[in-house]
Amino acid sequence: MNKISIDALNMHLFETIEMLKNNSDPQASDNEKISIQNAKAITEAGRIIIEGYKVKVQAMNIVVNNKTGQALQIAEAAGIVDNDKNE
């Protein structure tokens, strides 16, 4: 599975905004425009991805603040963090 960065996600969301703005530009080509329905779908997907990142950050904070190491094992078992050294 390809990993996407927050920066790449932001780039896609800003491209979506630009394409929406192009909808009112008579000189913009169809490739430079996007339907409201597609923009909403992209925005919703972005929101879900961001929520996933928030959960990972919360889990990482728990791991960092937990001195026993048990939180890291739980986070790894749940797939929240990947402690695989081979990547």
N, C-alpha and C. Protein backbone atom coordinates (compact mmCIF):
# COMPACT_ATOMS: atom_id res chain seq x y z
N MET A 1 0.84 -1.18 0.00
CA MET A 1 0.00 0.00 0.00
C MET A 1 0.88 1.24 0.00
N ASN A 2 0.59 2.18 -0.88
CA ASN A 2 1.36 3.42 -0.92
C ASN A 2 0.96 4.32 0.24
N LYS A 3 1.96 4.91 0.85
CA LYS A 3 1.69 5.84 1.94
C LYS A 3 1.60 7.25 1.38
N ILE A 4 0.61 7.99 1.81
CA ILE A 4 0.43 9.36 1.37
C ILE A 4 0.78 10.29 2.53
N SER A 5 1.37 11.39 2.20
CA SER A 5 1.75 12.33 3.25
C SER A 5 0.68 13.39 3.40
N ILE A 6 0.70 14.05 4.53
CA ILE A 6 -0.22 15.17 4.77
C ILE A 6 0.03 16.25 3.72
N ASP A 7 1.28 16.48 3.35
CA ASP A 7 1.59 17.49 2.33
C ASP A 7 0.93 17.14 0.99
N ALA A 8 0.98 15.87 0.61
CA ALA A 8 0.35 15.45 -0.65
C ALA A 8 -1.17 15.61 -0.56
N LEU A 9 -1.73 15.26 0.58
CA LEU A 9 -3.17 15.43 0.78
C LEU A 9 -3.54 16.91 0.66
N ASN A 10 -2.78 17.77 1.32
CA ASN A 10 -3.04 19.22 1.22
C ASN A 10 -2.98 19.69 -0.23
N MET A 11 -2.01 19.20 -0.98
CA MET A 11 -1.88 19.59 -2.38
C MET A 11 -3.15 19.21 -3.16
N HIS A 12 -3.65 17.99 -2.94
CA HIS A 12 -4.86 17.55 -3.62
C HIS A 12 -6.08 18.40 -3.22
N LEU A 13 -6.17 18.72 -1.95
CA LEU A 13 -7.31 19.52 -1.50
C LEU A 13 -7.25 20.94 -2.08
N PHE A 14 -6.06 21.52 -2.14
CA PHE A 14 -5.93 22.85 -2.73
C PHE A 14 -6.17 22.83 -4.24
N GLU A 15 -5.78 21.75 -4.90
CA GLU A 15 -6.09 21.59 -6.33
C GLU A 15 -7.60 21.54 -6.54
N THR A 16 -8.29 20.87 -5.64
CA THR A 16 -9.75 20.80 -5.72
C THR A 16 -10.37 22.18 -5.59
N ILE A 17 -9.86 22.99 -4.68
CA ILE A 17 -10.35 24.36 -4.50
C ILE A 17 -10.12 25.16 -5.78
N GLU A 18 -8.93 25.04 -6.35
CA GLU A 18 -8.63 25.76 -7.59
C GLU A 18 -9.56 25.33 -8.72
N MET A 19 -9.83 24.03 -8.81
CA MET A 19 -10.72 23.54 -9.86
C MET A 19 -12.15 24.06 -9.65
N LEU A 20 -12.57 24.16 -8.40
CA LEU A 20 -13.89 24.74 -8.12
C LEU A 20 -13.94 26.20 -8.55
N LYS A 21 -12.87 26.93 -8.27
CA LYS A 21 -12.80 28.33 -8.68
C LYS A 21 -12.85 28.44 -10.21
N ASN A 22 -12.26 27.49 -10.89
CA ASN A 22 -12.25 27.50 -12.36
C ASN A 22 -13.63 27.27 -12.96
N ASN A 23 -14.55 26.72 -12.18
CA ASN A 23 -15.90 26.49 -12.70
C ASN A 23 -16.54 27.78 -13.21
N SER A 24 -16.17 28.90 -12.62
CA SER A 24 -16.77 30.18 -13.04
C SER A 24 -15.90 30.93 -14.06
N ASP A 25 -14.80 30.31 -14.47
CA ASP A 25 -13.90 30.93 -15.46
C ASP A 25 -14.24 30.41 -16.85
N PRO A 26 -14.77 31.28 -17.72
CA PRO A 26 -15.16 30.80 -19.05
C PRO A 26 -13.97 30.34 -19.90
N GLN A 27 -12.77 30.76 -19.55
CA GLN A 27 -11.59 30.36 -20.33
C GLN A 27 -10.97 29.06 -19.84
N ALA A 28 -11.43 28.56 -18.71
CA ALA A 28 -10.87 27.31 -18.17
C ALA A 28 -11.41 26.13 -18.96
N SER A 29 -10.53 25.17 -19.21
CA SER A 29 -10.96 23.97 -19.93
C SER A 29 -11.71 23.04 -18.97
N ASP A 30 -12.39 22.04 -19.53
CA ASP A 30 -13.11 21.07 -18.70
C ASP A 30 -12.16 20.32 -17.76
N ASN A 31 -10.91 20.13 -18.18
CA ASN A 31 -9.91 19.45 -17.34
C ASN A 31 -9.49 20.28 -16.15
N GLU A 32 -9.76 21.57 -16.19
CA GLU A 32 -9.38 22.47 -15.10
C GLU A 32 -10.54 22.73 -14.15
N LYS A 33 -11.67 22.04 -14.37
CA LYS A 33 -12.87 22.22 -13.57
C LYS A 33 -13.24 20.92 -12.88
N ILE A 34 -14.10 21.02 -11.86
CA ILE A 34 -14.56 19.84 -11.14
C ILE A 34 -16.01 20.07 -10.72
N SER A 35 -16.78 19.02 -10.69
CA SER A 35 -18.17 19.14 -10.25
C SER A 35 -18.21 19.30 -8.73
N ILE A 36 -19.26 19.92 -8.26
CA ILE A 36 -19.44 20.08 -6.81
C ILE A 36 -19.51 18.71 -6.14
N GLN A 37 -20.17 17.77 -6.78
CA GLN A 37 -20.30 16.42 -6.22
C GLN A 37 -18.93 15.76 -6.06
N ASN A 38 -18.07 15.86 -7.07
CA ASN A 38 -16.73 15.28 -6.97
C ASN A 38 -15.89 16.01 -5.93
N ALA A 39 -16.01 17.33 -5.86
CA ALA A 39 -15.26 18.09 -4.87
C ALA A 39 -15.68 17.69 -3.45
N LYS A 40 -16.98 17.50 -3.24
CA LYS A 40 -17.46 17.06 -1.93
C LYS A 40 -16.91 15.67 -1.57
N ALA A 41 -16.85 14.78 -2.55
CA ALA A 41 -16.33 13.43 -2.31
C ALA A 41 -14.85 13.48 -1.94
N ILE A 42 -14.09 14.32 -2.64
CA ILE A 42 -12.65 14.46 -2.34
C ILE A 42 -12.46 15.05 -0.95
N THR A 43 -13.27 16.07 -0.64
CA THR A 43 -13.17 16.71 0.68
C THR A 43 -13.51 15.74 1.80
N GLU A 44 -14.54 14.93 1.60
CA GLU A 44 -14.93 13.95 2.62
C GLU A 44 -13.83 12.91 2.81
N ALA A 45 -13.25 12.44 1.71
CA ALA A 45 -12.15 11.48 1.82
C ALA A 45 -10.97 12.10 2.56
N GLY A 46 -10.68 13.36 2.26
CA GLY A 46 -9.60 14.06 2.97
C GLY A 46 -9.88 14.18 4.45
N ARG A 47 -11.13 14.48 4.79
CA ARG A 47 -11.50 14.59 6.20
C ARG A 47 -11.29 13.26 6.93
N ILE A 48 -11.66 12.18 6.30
CA ILE A 48 -11.49 10.86 6.91
C ILE A 48 -10.02 10.52 7.09
N ILE A 49 -9.20 10.86 6.10
CA ILE A 49 -7.75 10.61 6.20
C ILE A 49 -7.16 11.42 7.35
N ILE A 50 -7.56 12.69 7.46
CA ILE A 50 -7.06 13.54 8.53
C ILE A 50 -7.48 13.00 9.90
N GLU A 51 -8.71 12.52 10.02
CA GLU A 51 -9.15 11.93 11.28
C GLU A 51 -8.29 10.71 11.64
N GLY A 52 -7.92 9.92 10.62
CA GLY A 52 -7.04 8.78 10.86
C GLY A 52 -5.68 9.21 11.38
N TYR A 53 -5.14 10.30 10.80
CA TYR A 53 -3.86 10.83 11.28
C TYR A 53 -3.99 11.31 12.72
N LYS A 54 -5.12 11.93 13.07
CA LYS A 54 -5.32 12.40 14.44
C LYS A 54 -5.28 11.24 15.43
N VAL A 55 -5.91 10.13 15.06
CA VAL A 55 -5.91 8.95 15.93
C VAL A 55 -4.48 8.43 16.11
N LYS A 56 -3.72 8.41 15.01
CA LYS A 56 -2.33 7.95 15.10
C LYS A 56 -1.50 8.86 16.01
N VAL A 57 -1.71 10.16 15.92
CA VAL A 57 -0.96 11.11 16.76
C VAL A 57 -1.34 10.89 18.23
N GLN A 58 -2.62 10.70 18.50
CA GLN A 58 -3.04 10.43 19.87
C GLN A 58 -2.40 9.16 20.40
N ALA A 59 -2.38 8.12 19.57
CA ALA A 59 -1.77 6.86 19.98
C ALA A 59 -0.27 7.03 20.21
N MET A 60 0.39 7.80 19.34
CA MET A 60 1.83 8.02 19.51
C MET A 60 2.10 8.77 20.81
N ASN A 61 1.24 9.73 21.16
CA ASN A 61 1.41 10.45 22.41
C ASN A 61 1.27 9.52 23.60
N ILE A 62 0.33 8.58 23.53
CA ILE A 62 0.18 7.60 24.61
C ILE A 62 1.43 6.74 24.71
N VAL A 63 1.95 6.29 23.58
CA VAL A 63 3.16 5.45 23.57
C VAL A 63 4.33 6.21 24.16
N VAL A 64 4.51 7.46 23.74
CA VAL A 64 5.64 8.26 24.21
C VAL A 64 5.55 8.49 25.72
N ASN A 65 4.34 8.71 26.21
CA ASN A 65 4.16 9.03 27.63
C ASN A 65 4.05 7.79 28.51
N ASN A 66 3.99 6.60 27.92
CA ASN A 66 3.88 5.37 28.68
C ASN A 66 5.26 4.78 28.85
N LYS A 67 5.66 4.61 30.07
CA LYS A 67 7.03 4.15 30.36
C LYS A 67 7.18 2.63 30.37
N THR A 68 6.09 1.89 30.33
CA THR A 68 6.19 0.43 30.46
C THR A 68 6.42 -0.27 29.13
N GLY A 69 6.11 0.38 28.03
CA GLY A 69 6.25 -0.25 26.73
C GLY A 69 5.02 -1.04 26.34
N GLN A 70 4.10 -1.23 27.26
CA GLN A 70 2.88 -1.98 26.96
C GLN A 70 2.03 -1.24 25.93
N ALA A 71 1.99 0.09 26.00
CA ALA A 71 1.19 0.87 25.04
C ALA A 71 1.71 0.67 23.62
N LEU A 72 3.03 0.57 23.45
CA LEU A 72 3.61 0.35 22.13
C LEU A 72 3.17 -1.00 21.59
N GLN A 73 3.19 -2.02 22.42
CA GLN A 73 2.75 -3.35 21.99
C GLN A 73 1.28 -3.34 21.57
N ILE A 74 0.45 -2.64 22.32
CA ILE A 74 -0.97 -2.55 22.00
C ILE A 74 -1.16 -1.80 20.69
N ALA A 75 -0.45 -0.68 20.52
CA ALA A 75 -0.57 0.12 19.30
C ALA A 75 -0.10 -0.66 18.08
N GLU A 76 0.97 -1.44 18.22
CA GLU A 76 1.45 -2.28 17.12
C GLU A 76 0.44 -3.36 16.77
N ALA A 77 -0.12 -3.99 17.79
CA ALA A 77 -1.09 -5.07 17.57
C ALA A 77 -2.35 -4.54 16.87
N ALA A 78 -2.70 -3.29 17.17
CA ALA A 78 -3.88 -2.68 16.57
C ALA A 78 -3.59 -2.09 15.19
N GLY A 79 -2.32 -2.09 14.78
CA GLY A 79 -1.96 -1.54 13.48
C GLY A 79 -1.88 -0.03 13.45
N ILE A 80 -1.84 0.59 14.62
CA ILE A 80 -1.78 2.06 14.70
C ILE A 80 -0.37 2.56 14.44
N VAL A 81 0.60 1.83 14.94
CA VAL A 81 2.00 2.16 14.67
C VAL A 81 2.66 0.95 14.04
N ASP A 82 3.67 1.22 13.23
CA ASP A 82 4.41 0.15 12.56
C ASP A 82 5.85 0.23 13.04
N ASN A 83 6.25 -0.72 13.83
CA ASN A 83 7.60 -0.73 14.39
C ASN A 83 8.52 -1.65 13.60
N ASP A 84 8.15 -1.95 12.34
CA ASP A 84 8.95 -2.83 11.48
C ASP A 84 10.21 -2.10 11.02
N LYS A 85 11.34 -2.58 11.36
CA LYS A 85 12.61 -1.92 11.03
C LYS A 85 13.03 -2.15 9.58
N ASN A 86 12.34 -3.05 8.85
CA ASN A 86 12.73 -3.42 7.50
C ASN A 86 12.23 -2.45 6.43
N GLU A 87 11.39 -1.47 6.78
CA GLU A 87 10.87 -0.54 5.77
C GLU A 87 11.77 0.63 5.59
